[in-house]
N, C-alpha and C. Protein backbone atom coordinates (compact mmCIF):
# COMPACT_ATOMS: atom_id res chain seq x y z
N MET A 1 0.51 -1.02 0.12
CA MET A 1 -0.26 -0.30 0.24
C MET A 1 0.88 1.52 0.11
N ARG A 2 2.24 1.18 0.88
CA ARG A 2 2.84 2.60 1.04
C ARG A 2 3.46 2.57 -0.48
N THR A 3 3.94 2.05 -1.18
CA THR A 3 4.79 1.68 -2.41
C THR A 3 3.74 2.58 -3.02
N ARG A 4 2.03 1.90 -3.49
CA ARG A 4 1.42 2.74 -4.31
C ARG A 4 0.85 3.92 -3.98
N SER A 5 1.11 4.29 -2.62
CA SER A 5 1.08 6.01 -2.91
C SER A 5 2.34 6.79 -2.92
N TRP A 6 3.44 6.04 -3.09
CA TRP A 6 4.61 7.02 -3.11
C TRP A 6 4.69 7.19 -4.62
N ALA A 7 4.18 5.85 -5.53
CA ALA A 7 4.22 5.59 -6.85
C ALA A 7 3.03 7.03 -7.19
N ALA A 8 1.93 7.13 -6.82
CA ALA A 8 0.69 7.68 -7.09
C ALA A 8 1.60 9.24 -6.65
N MET A 9 1.90 9.50 -6.19
CA MET A 9 2.24 10.81 -5.80
C MET A 9 3.66 11.20 -6.39
N GLY A 10 4.74 10.36 -6.67
CA GLY A 10 5.73 10.48 -7.73
C GLY A 10 4.93 11.09 -9.39
N MET A 11 3.74 10.23 -9.27
CA MET A 11 3.36 10.54 -10.74
C MET A 11 2.59 11.73 -10.91
N ALA A 12 2.00 12.47 -9.95
CA ALA A 12 1.10 13.63 -9.45
C ALA A 12 2.40 14.55 -10.17
N SER A 13 3.40 14.15 -9.47
CA SER A 13 4.61 15.34 -8.89
C SER A 13 4.82 15.29 -10.75
N VAL A 14 5.41 14.41 -11.34
CA VAL A 14 5.51 14.35 -12.96
C VAL A 14 4.49 15.00 -13.57
N ALA A 15 3.51 14.90 -13.55
CA ALA A 15 2.32 15.74 -13.99
C ALA A 15 2.31 17.20 -14.09
N VAL A 16 2.73 17.34 -12.63
CA VAL A 16 2.11 18.55 -11.93
C VAL A 16 3.58 19.52 -13.21
N ALA A 17 5.14 19.12 -12.92
CA ALA A 17 6.16 19.43 -14.03
C ALA A 17 5.54 19.52 -15.25
N TRP A 18 4.71 18.52 -16.13
CA TRP A 18 4.92 18.63 -17.37
C TRP A 18 4.14 19.85 -17.29
N ALA A 19 3.09 20.00 -16.61
CA ALA A 19 1.93 20.90 -16.68
C ALA A 19 2.41 22.52 -16.89
N GLY A 20 3.27 22.55 -15.86
CA GLY A 20 4.53 23.46 -15.41
C GLY A 20 4.74 23.86 -16.84
N ALA A 21 6.03 23.08 -17.41
CA ALA A 21 6.62 23.39 -18.46
C ALA A 21 6.05 23.39 -19.95
N GLY A 22 4.61 22.87 -19.94
CA GLY A 22 3.61 23.30 -20.82
C GLY A 22 2.95 24.66 -20.75
N TYR A 23 3.04 25.09 -19.94
CA TYR A 23 2.15 26.48 -20.07
C TYR A 23 3.51 28.01 -19.63
N LEU A 24 4.81 27.06 -19.59
CA LEU A 24 5.98 28.07 -19.81
C LEU A 24 5.68 28.20 -21.32
N ALA A 25 5.69 27.08 -21.99
CA ALA A 25 5.96 26.53 -23.89
C ALA A 25 5.38 27.77 -24.04
N ILE A 26 3.41 27.57 -24.18
CA ILE A 26 2.88 28.00 -24.35
C ILE A 26 2.22 29.57 -24.05
N ARG A 27 2.93 29.81 -22.78
CA ARG A 27 2.14 31.54 -22.39
C ARG A 27 2.18 32.40 -23.15
N PRO A 28 0.71 33.50 -22.82
CA PRO A 28 1.33 34.78 -24.25
C PRO A 28 2.41 35.46 -24.02
N ALA A 29 3.29 36.37 -24.90
CA ALA A 29 4.34 37.04 -24.69
C ALA A 29 3.33 38.22 -23.91
N ASP A 30 4.66 38.84 -22.83
CA ASP A 30 4.46 40.13 -22.28
C ASP A 30 4.86 41.16 -22.49
N PHE A 31 5.06 41.96 -21.71
CA PHE A 31 6.15 43.24 -22.79
C PHE A 31 7.16 43.07 -22.52
N HIS A 32 7.90 42.13 -21.33
CA HIS A 32 9.35 42.34 -21.51
C HIS A 32 9.48 41.16 -21.97
N ASP A 33 8.96 39.92 -22.40
CA ASP A 33 9.31 38.81 -23.33
C ASP A 33 9.76 39.37 -25.06
N TYR A 34 8.32 40.66 -25.38
CA TYR A 34 8.51 41.27 -26.59
C TYR A 34 9.92 42.31 -26.63
N ARG A 35 9.78 43.11 -25.67
CA ARG A 35 11.41 43.75 -25.59
C ARG A 35 12.64 43.08 -25.76
N LYS A 36 12.35 41.88 -25.10
CA LYS A 36 13.55 40.74 -25.44
C LYS A 36 14.02 40.69 -26.69
N ALA A 37 12.95 39.86 -26.99
CA ALA A 37 13.23 39.54 -28.57
C ALA A 37 13.37 41.29 -29.28
N ALA A 38 12.64 41.78 -29.07
CA ALA A 38 13.13 43.12 -30.26
C ALA A 38 14.47 43.56 -30.13
N VAL A 39 14.87 43.42 -28.64
CA VAL A 39 16.46 43.93 -28.50
C VAL A 39 17.51 42.99 -28.87
N GLN A 40 17.09 41.72 -28.77
CA GLN A 40 18.09 40.79 -29.23
C GLN A 40 17.71 40.61 -30.85
N SER A 41 17.00 41.22 -31.58
CA SER A 41 16.54 40.91 -32.89
C SER A 41 17.61 42.47 -33.25
N ALA A 42 17.34 43.76 -32.87
CA ALA A 42 18.32 44.52 -32.90
C ALA A 42 19.66 44.79 -33.03
N GLN A 43 20.24 44.01 -31.79
CA GLN A 43 21.68 43.51 -31.66
C GLN A 43 21.82 42.79 -32.92
N SER A 44 21.41 41.63 -32.79
CA SER A 44 21.50 41.10 -34.09
C SER A 44 21.83 41.62 -35.54
N ALA A 45 21.20 42.52 -36.06
CA ALA A 45 20.65 43.51 -36.90
C ALA A 45 22.12 44.17 -36.86
N TYR A 46 22.49 44.96 -35.80
CA TYR A 46 23.48 45.71 -35.60
C TYR A 46 24.50 45.27 -35.91
N GLN A 47 25.08 43.70 -35.41
CA GLN A 47 26.38 43.14 -35.62
C GLN A 47 26.27 42.88 -36.95
N ALA A 48 25.24 42.66 -37.65
CA ALA A 48 24.92 42.29 -39.16
C ALA A 48 25.76 43.29 -40.26
N VAL A 49 25.10 44.56 -40.03
CA VAL A 49 25.27 45.70 -40.34
C VAL A 49 26.51 46.33 -40.53
N LYS A 50 27.20 46.46 -38.86
CA LYS A 50 28.59 46.44 -38.55
C LYS A 50 29.62 45.90 -39.58
N THR A 51 29.19 44.33 -39.54
CA THR A 51 30.26 43.84 -39.99
C THR A 51 30.43 43.92 -41.46
N ALA A 52 29.03 43.98 -41.66
CA ALA A 52 29.35 44.87 -43.42
C ALA A 52 29.97 45.62 -43.69
N GLU A 53 29.51 47.05 -42.98
CA GLU A 53 30.58 48.02 -42.99
C GLU A 53 31.82 48.17 -42.87
N LEU A 54 32.10 47.31 -41.75
CA LEU A 54 33.58 47.18 -41.67
C LEU A 54 34.51 45.66 -42.79
N VAL A 55 33.87 44.64 -43.17
CA VAL A 55 34.48 44.55 -44.28
C VAL A 55 34.26 45.07 -45.62
N GLY A 56 33.32 46.22 -46.32
CA GLY A 56 33.00 46.87 -46.73
C GLY A 56 34.56 47.82 -47.04
N GLU A 57 34.73 48.76 -45.91
CA GLU A 57 35.70 49.65 -45.41
C GLU A 57 37.20 48.79 -46.13
N SER A 58 37.21 47.51 -45.43
CA SER A 58 38.26 46.87 -45.51
C SER A 58 38.49 46.86 -47.19
N ARG A 59 37.43 46.10 -47.79
CA ARG A 59 37.70 45.84 -49.56
C ARG A 59 38.23 47.37 -50.04
N LEU A 60 37.69 48.37 -49.68
CA LEU A 60 37.77 49.79 -50.13
C LEU A 60 39.30 50.15 -50.07
N ARG A 61 39.85 49.74 -49.19
CA ARG A 61 41.24 49.65 -49.00
C ARG A 61 42.45 48.71 -49.01
N ASP A 62 41.63 47.25 -50.18
CA ASP A 62 42.18 46.29 -50.56
C ASP A 62 42.92 45.56 -49.35
N ARG A 63 42.43 45.41 -48.06
CA ARG A 63 43.28 44.67 -47.20
C ARG A 63 42.33 43.43 -47.22
N VAL A 64 41.30 42.96 -47.76
CA VAL A 64 40.47 41.63 -47.88
C VAL A 64 40.67 41.55 -49.58
N ALA A 65 40.19 40.21 -49.65
CA ALA A 65 40.32 39.55 -50.94
C ALA A 65 38.43 39.57 -51.37
N GLY A 66 38.33 39.69 -52.49
CA GLY A 66 36.83 39.45 -52.91
C GLY A 66 36.10 38.00 -52.39
N PRO A 67 36.57 37.44 -52.48
CA PRO A 67 36.34 36.20 -52.22
C PRO A 67 35.83 35.92 -50.15
N TYR A 68 36.58 36.45 -49.80
CA TYR A 68 36.59 36.70 -48.57
C TYR A 68 35.45 37.41 -47.99
N THR A 69 35.47 39.18 -48.86
CA THR A 69 33.98 39.78 -48.65
C THR A 69 32.97 39.21 -48.68
N ALA A 70 32.95 38.43 -50.02
CA ALA A 70 31.57 37.68 -50.60
C ALA A 70 30.89 37.04 -49.07
N SER A 71 31.97 36.08 -48.73
CA SER A 71 31.77 34.97 -47.35
C SER A 71 31.13 35.84 -46.54
N VAL A 72 32.25 36.80 -46.05
CA VAL A 72 31.74 37.72 -44.74
C VAL A 72 30.01 38.19 -44.78
N LEU A 73 30.40 39.00 -46.02
CA LEU A 73 28.72 38.97 -46.20
C LEU A 73 27.66 38.88 -46.69
N ASP A 74 28.13 37.31 -46.85
CA ASP A 74 26.77 36.32 -46.95
C ASP A 74 26.42 35.58 -45.47
N ASP A 75 27.68 35.62 -44.93
CA ASP A 75 27.31 35.35 -43.23
C ASP A 75 26.44 36.17 -42.70
N ALA A 76 26.77 37.73 -42.82
CA ALA A 76 26.06 38.89 -42.58
C ALA A 76 24.57 38.90 -42.66
N ARG A 77 23.95 38.48 -44.43
CA ARG A 77 22.78 38.30 -44.50
C ARG A 77 22.10 37.43 -43.65
N GLU A 78 22.27 36.04 -43.49
CA GLU A 78 22.26 35.00 -42.59
C GLU A 78 21.64 35.47 -41.53
N ALA A 79 22.80 36.16 -40.81
CA ALA A 79 22.28 36.90 -39.80
C ALA A 79 21.10 37.80 -39.35
N LEU A 80 21.32 38.37 -40.41
CA LEU A 80 20.13 39.55 -40.75
C LEU A 80 18.93 39.03 -40.81
N VAL A 81 18.87 38.18 -41.74
CA VAL A 81 17.51 37.14 -41.56
C VAL A 81 17.12 36.68 -40.61
N GLY A 82 17.84 36.06 -39.81
CA GLY A 82 17.30 35.41 -38.83
C GLY A 82 16.88 36.21 -37.56
N ALA A 83 17.60 37.27 -37.97
CA ALA A 83 17.73 38.60 -36.87
C ALA A 83 15.84 39.00 -37.08
N ALA A 84 15.23 39.02 -38.20
CA ALA A 84 13.97 39.62 -39.23
C ALA A 84 12.90 38.40 -38.64
N LYS A 85 13.51 37.21 -38.84
CA LYS A 85 12.44 36.24 -39.28
C LYS A 85 12.21 36.04 -37.40
N GLN A 86 13.48 35.97 -36.86
CA GLN A 86 12.40 36.06 -35.21
C GLN A 86 11.75 37.13 -34.58
N TYR A 87 12.21 38.44 -35.38
CA TYR A 87 11.37 39.25 -34.68
C TYR A 87 9.90 39.33 -35.66
N ALA A 88 9.82 39.16 -36.44
CA ALA A 88 8.82 38.75 -37.24
C ALA A 88 7.78 37.76 -36.31
N THR A 89 8.29 36.75 -35.86
CA THR A 89 7.10 35.60 -34.75
C THR A 89 6.53 36.41 -34.06
N GLU A 90 7.50 37.72 -33.43
CA GLU A 90 6.74 38.14 -31.31
C GLU A 90 5.23 39.23 -32.46
N VAL A 91 4.72 39.16 -31.54
CA VAL A 91 3.05 39.73 -31.87
C VAL A 91 3.10 41.11 -30.68
N PRO A 92 2.79 42.18 -30.98
CA PRO A 92 2.74 43.25 -30.11
C PRO A 92 1.81 42.85 -28.94
N VAL A 93 1.97 43.13 -27.80
CA VAL A 93 0.99 42.97 -26.72
C VAL A 93 0.29 44.21 -26.07
N ASP A 94 0.92 45.22 -26.38
CA ASP A 94 0.15 46.71 -25.94
C ASP A 94 1.17 47.99 -26.64
N GLY A 95 0.54 49.16 -26.43
CA GLY A 95 0.77 50.16 -27.18
C GLY A 95 2.24 50.53 -27.40
N ARG A 96 3.06 50.02 -26.14
CA ARG A 96 4.37 50.23 -26.06
C ARG A 96 5.17 49.23 -27.06
N THR A 97 4.59 48.53 -27.42
CA THR A 97 5.36 47.12 -27.95
C THR A 97 4.80 47.78 -29.37
N GLU A 98 3.84 48.03 -29.66
CA GLU A 98 3.45 48.74 -30.95
C GLU A 98 4.40 49.82 -31.69
N THR A 99 5.07 50.47 -30.52
CA THR A 99 5.84 51.65 -31.05
C THR A 99 7.20 51.29 -31.23
N MET A 100 7.53 49.78 -30.67
CA MET A 100 8.70 49.40 -30.64
C MET A 100 8.54 48.83 -32.19
N ARG A 101 7.71 48.12 -32.51
CA ARG A 101 7.64 47.42 -34.16
C ARG A 101 7.90 48.82 -34.97
N GLU A 102 7.07 49.96 -34.02
CA GLU A 102 7.16 51.00 -35.48
C GLU A 102 8.78 51.56 -35.34
N GLU A 103 8.91 51.41 -34.81
CA GLU A 103 10.68 51.68 -34.81
C GLU A 103 11.62 50.80 -35.09
N LEU A 104 11.35 49.46 -34.70
CA LEU A 104 12.73 48.62 -35.59
C LEU A 104 12.29 47.97 -36.91
N GLY A 105 11.03 47.70 -37.51
CA GLY A 105 10.64 47.50 -38.52
C GLY A 105 11.41 48.33 -39.61
N PRO A 106 11.36 49.38 -39.40
CA PRO A 106 12.00 50.06 -40.89
C PRO A 106 13.12 50.30 -40.33
N LEU A 107 13.77 49.98 -39.58
CA LEU A 107 15.52 49.83 -39.52
C LEU A 107 15.86 48.62 -39.82
N LEU A 108 14.95 47.67 -39.72
CA LEU A 108 15.58 46.09 -40.48
C LEU A 108 15.48 46.37 -41.70
N LEU A 109 13.98 46.84 -42.26
CA LEU A 109 14.25 46.63 -43.82
C LEU A 109 15.05 47.81 -44.26
N ALA A 110 15.87 48.73 -43.52
CA ALA A 110 17.07 49.59 -44.33
C ALA A 110 18.08 48.72 -44.07
N ALA A 111 18.17 47.94 -43.29
CA ALA A 111 19.28 46.94 -42.78
C ALA A 111 19.79 46.33 -44.01
N ASN A 112 18.44 45.76 -44.52
CA ASN A 112 18.43 44.50 -45.53
C ASN A 112 18.56 45.36 -46.93
N ALA A 113 18.09 46.70 -47.15
CA ALA A 113 18.55 46.97 -48.26
C ALA A 113 19.64 47.28 -48.26
N GLY A 114 20.49 47.75 -47.28
CA GLY A 114 21.60 48.61 -47.29
C GLY A 114 22.62 47.21 -47.49
N LEU A 115 22.25 46.22 -46.67
CA LEU A 115 23.20 44.99 -46.83
C LEU A 115 22.78 44.58 -48.41
N GLY A 116 21.69 44.34 -48.84
CA GLY A 116 21.79 43.88 -50.38
C GLY A 116 22.98 45.01 -51.38
N ARG A 117 22.80 46.33 -51.05
CA ARG A 117 23.26 47.20 -51.68
C ARG A 117 25.00 46.90 -52.36
N VAL A 118 25.42 46.87 -50.27
CA VAL A 118 26.76 46.52 -50.03
C VAL A 118 27.39 45.25 -51.26
N GLN A 119 26.26 44.07 -50.91
CA GLN A 119 26.55 42.63 -51.25
C GLN A 119 26.74 42.74 -52.86
N THR A 120 25.50 43.52 -53.65
CA THR A 120 25.97 43.68 -55.14
C THR A 120 27.17 44.77 -55.58
N ALA A 121 27.45 45.32 -55.14
CA ALA A 121 28.54 46.73 -54.88
C ALA A 121 29.84 45.72 -55.07
N ALA A 122 29.98 44.71 -54.01
CA ALA A 122 31.18 44.03 -53.82
C ALA A 122 31.36 43.32 -54.65
N ARG A 123 30.39 42.45 -55.17
CA ARG A 123 30.68 41.63 -55.88
C ARG A 123 30.49 41.98 -57.62
N ASP A 124 30.16 43.27 -57.93
CA ASP A 124 30.51 43.78 -59.56
C ASP A 124 31.76 44.50 -59.13
N ASP A 125 32.41 44.89 -57.73
CA ASP A 125 33.88 45.07 -57.67
C ASP A 125 33.72 46.58 -58.28
N ASP A 126 32.68 47.37 -57.54
CA ASP A 126 32.53 48.53 -58.13
C ASP A 126 32.72 49.42 -56.66
N ALA A 127 33.96 50.04 -56.78
CA ALA A 127 34.39 50.72 -55.42
C ALA A 127 33.45 51.97 -55.27
N MET A 128 33.22 52.90 -56.61
CA MET A 128 32.40 54.15 -56.38
C MET A 128 31.13 53.64 -55.04
N GLU A 129 30.48 52.87 -55.88
CA GLU A 129 29.42 52.29 -55.35
C GLU A 129 29.35 51.28 -54.06
N LEU A 130 30.67 50.84 -53.83
CA LEU A 130 30.52 50.25 -52.52
C LEU A 130 31.05 51.43 -51.74
N SER A 131 31.57 52.50 -51.48
CA SER A 131 31.70 53.60 -50.44
C SER A 131 30.59 53.95 -50.59
N ALA A 132 29.65 54.06 -51.50
CA ALA A 132 28.58 54.98 -51.04
C ALA A 132 27.25 53.83 -50.44
N ALA A 133 27.17 52.74 -50.57
CA ALA A 133 26.82 51.60 -50.15
C ALA A 133 27.15 51.20 -48.49
N VAL A 134 28.34 51.76 -48.20
CA VAL A 134 28.89 51.55 -46.81
C VAL A 134 28.84 52.86 -46.26
N ALA A 135 28.80 54.19 -46.84
CA ALA A 135 28.40 54.92 -46.34
C ALA A 135 26.88 55.51 -46.00
N ALA A 136 26.15 54.80 -46.43
CA ALA A 136 24.60 54.60 -46.45
C ALA A 136 24.82 53.81 -44.90
N LEU A 137 25.15 52.75 -45.07
CA LEU A 137 24.75 51.79 -43.71
C LEU A 137 25.37 52.88 -42.31
N LYS A 138 25.97 53.39 -42.49
CA LYS A 138 26.04 54.33 -40.62
C LYS A 138 24.70 54.66 -39.90
N PRO A 139 24.00 55.46 -41.14
CA PRO A 139 22.51 55.77 -40.44
C PRO A 139 21.74 54.54 -39.64
N VAL A 140 22.15 53.54 -40.25
CA VAL A 140 21.12 52.33 -39.91
C VAL A 140 21.88 51.70 -38.58
N THR A 141 22.89 51.41 -38.61
CA THR A 141 23.85 51.11 -37.19
C THR A 141 23.65 51.93 -36.19
N GLY A 142 23.48 53.49 -36.78
CA GLY A 142 23.56 54.66 -35.65
C GLY A 142 21.91 54.21 -35.05
N GLY A 143 21.14 54.06 -35.90
CA GLY A 143 19.33 53.88 -35.47
C GLY A 143 19.50 52.42 -34.57
N LEU A 144 20.22 51.35 -34.92
CA LEU A 144 19.78 50.53 -34.23
C LEU A 144 20.51 50.48 -33.31
N SER A 145 21.68 51.11 -32.40
CA SER A 145 22.89 51.30 -31.69
C SER A 145 21.45 52.25 -30.74
N GLN A 146 21.18 52.75 -31.15
CA GLN A 146 20.15 54.07 -30.82
C GLN A 146 18.85 52.81 -29.90
N PHE A 147 18.28 52.39 -30.73
CA PHE A 147 17.17 51.62 -30.38
C PHE A 147 17.36 50.85 -29.09
N ILE A 148 18.93 49.92 -29.20
CA ILE A 148 19.16 48.54 -28.21
C ILE A 148 19.66 49.43 -26.85
N GLN A 149 20.08 50.85 -27.31
CA GLN A 149 20.27 51.89 -26.00
C GLN A 149 18.98 52.23 -24.94
N GLU A 150 17.61 52.37 -26.18
CA GLU A 150 16.60 52.99 -25.44
C GLU A 150 15.88 51.98 -25.01
N HIS A 151 16.21 50.62 -25.77
CA HIS A 151 15.29 49.83 -25.03
C HIS A 151 16.04 48.44 -24.20
N LYS A 152 17.04 48.30 -23.89
CA LYS A 152 17.80 47.69 -23.26
C LYS A 152 17.46 47.52 -21.70
């Protein structure tokens, strides 16, 4: 009899643990969760765009080879796409998070467009366009940096 009650208590404990884990996995996002996801996405995007800036500047000074530049820019693009996908899965939960989406959304779009421009200029080995594309990334990195600082 005693063994049965211990077994029943053990099974009940396991059921409660699974229920708690299930709740944590599907609970609705709150402001903190959304802010955290937005900041993480902005940080990933910032790192990708800053990497593109640095490798673009290095390419302009002939400090890195074309294939290396292409490889690094491809990796930066993948990181940016990953950040955007992660952010796209989050749903704003209130007015504050709607405001965050309105701030970060255009920055992610500008980062994507700017990174694409740098990739194209580097692939075409067009120094004038690469220089302009790298310069155009600076306001994007500034905006992402500001977003991160404001919402960290």
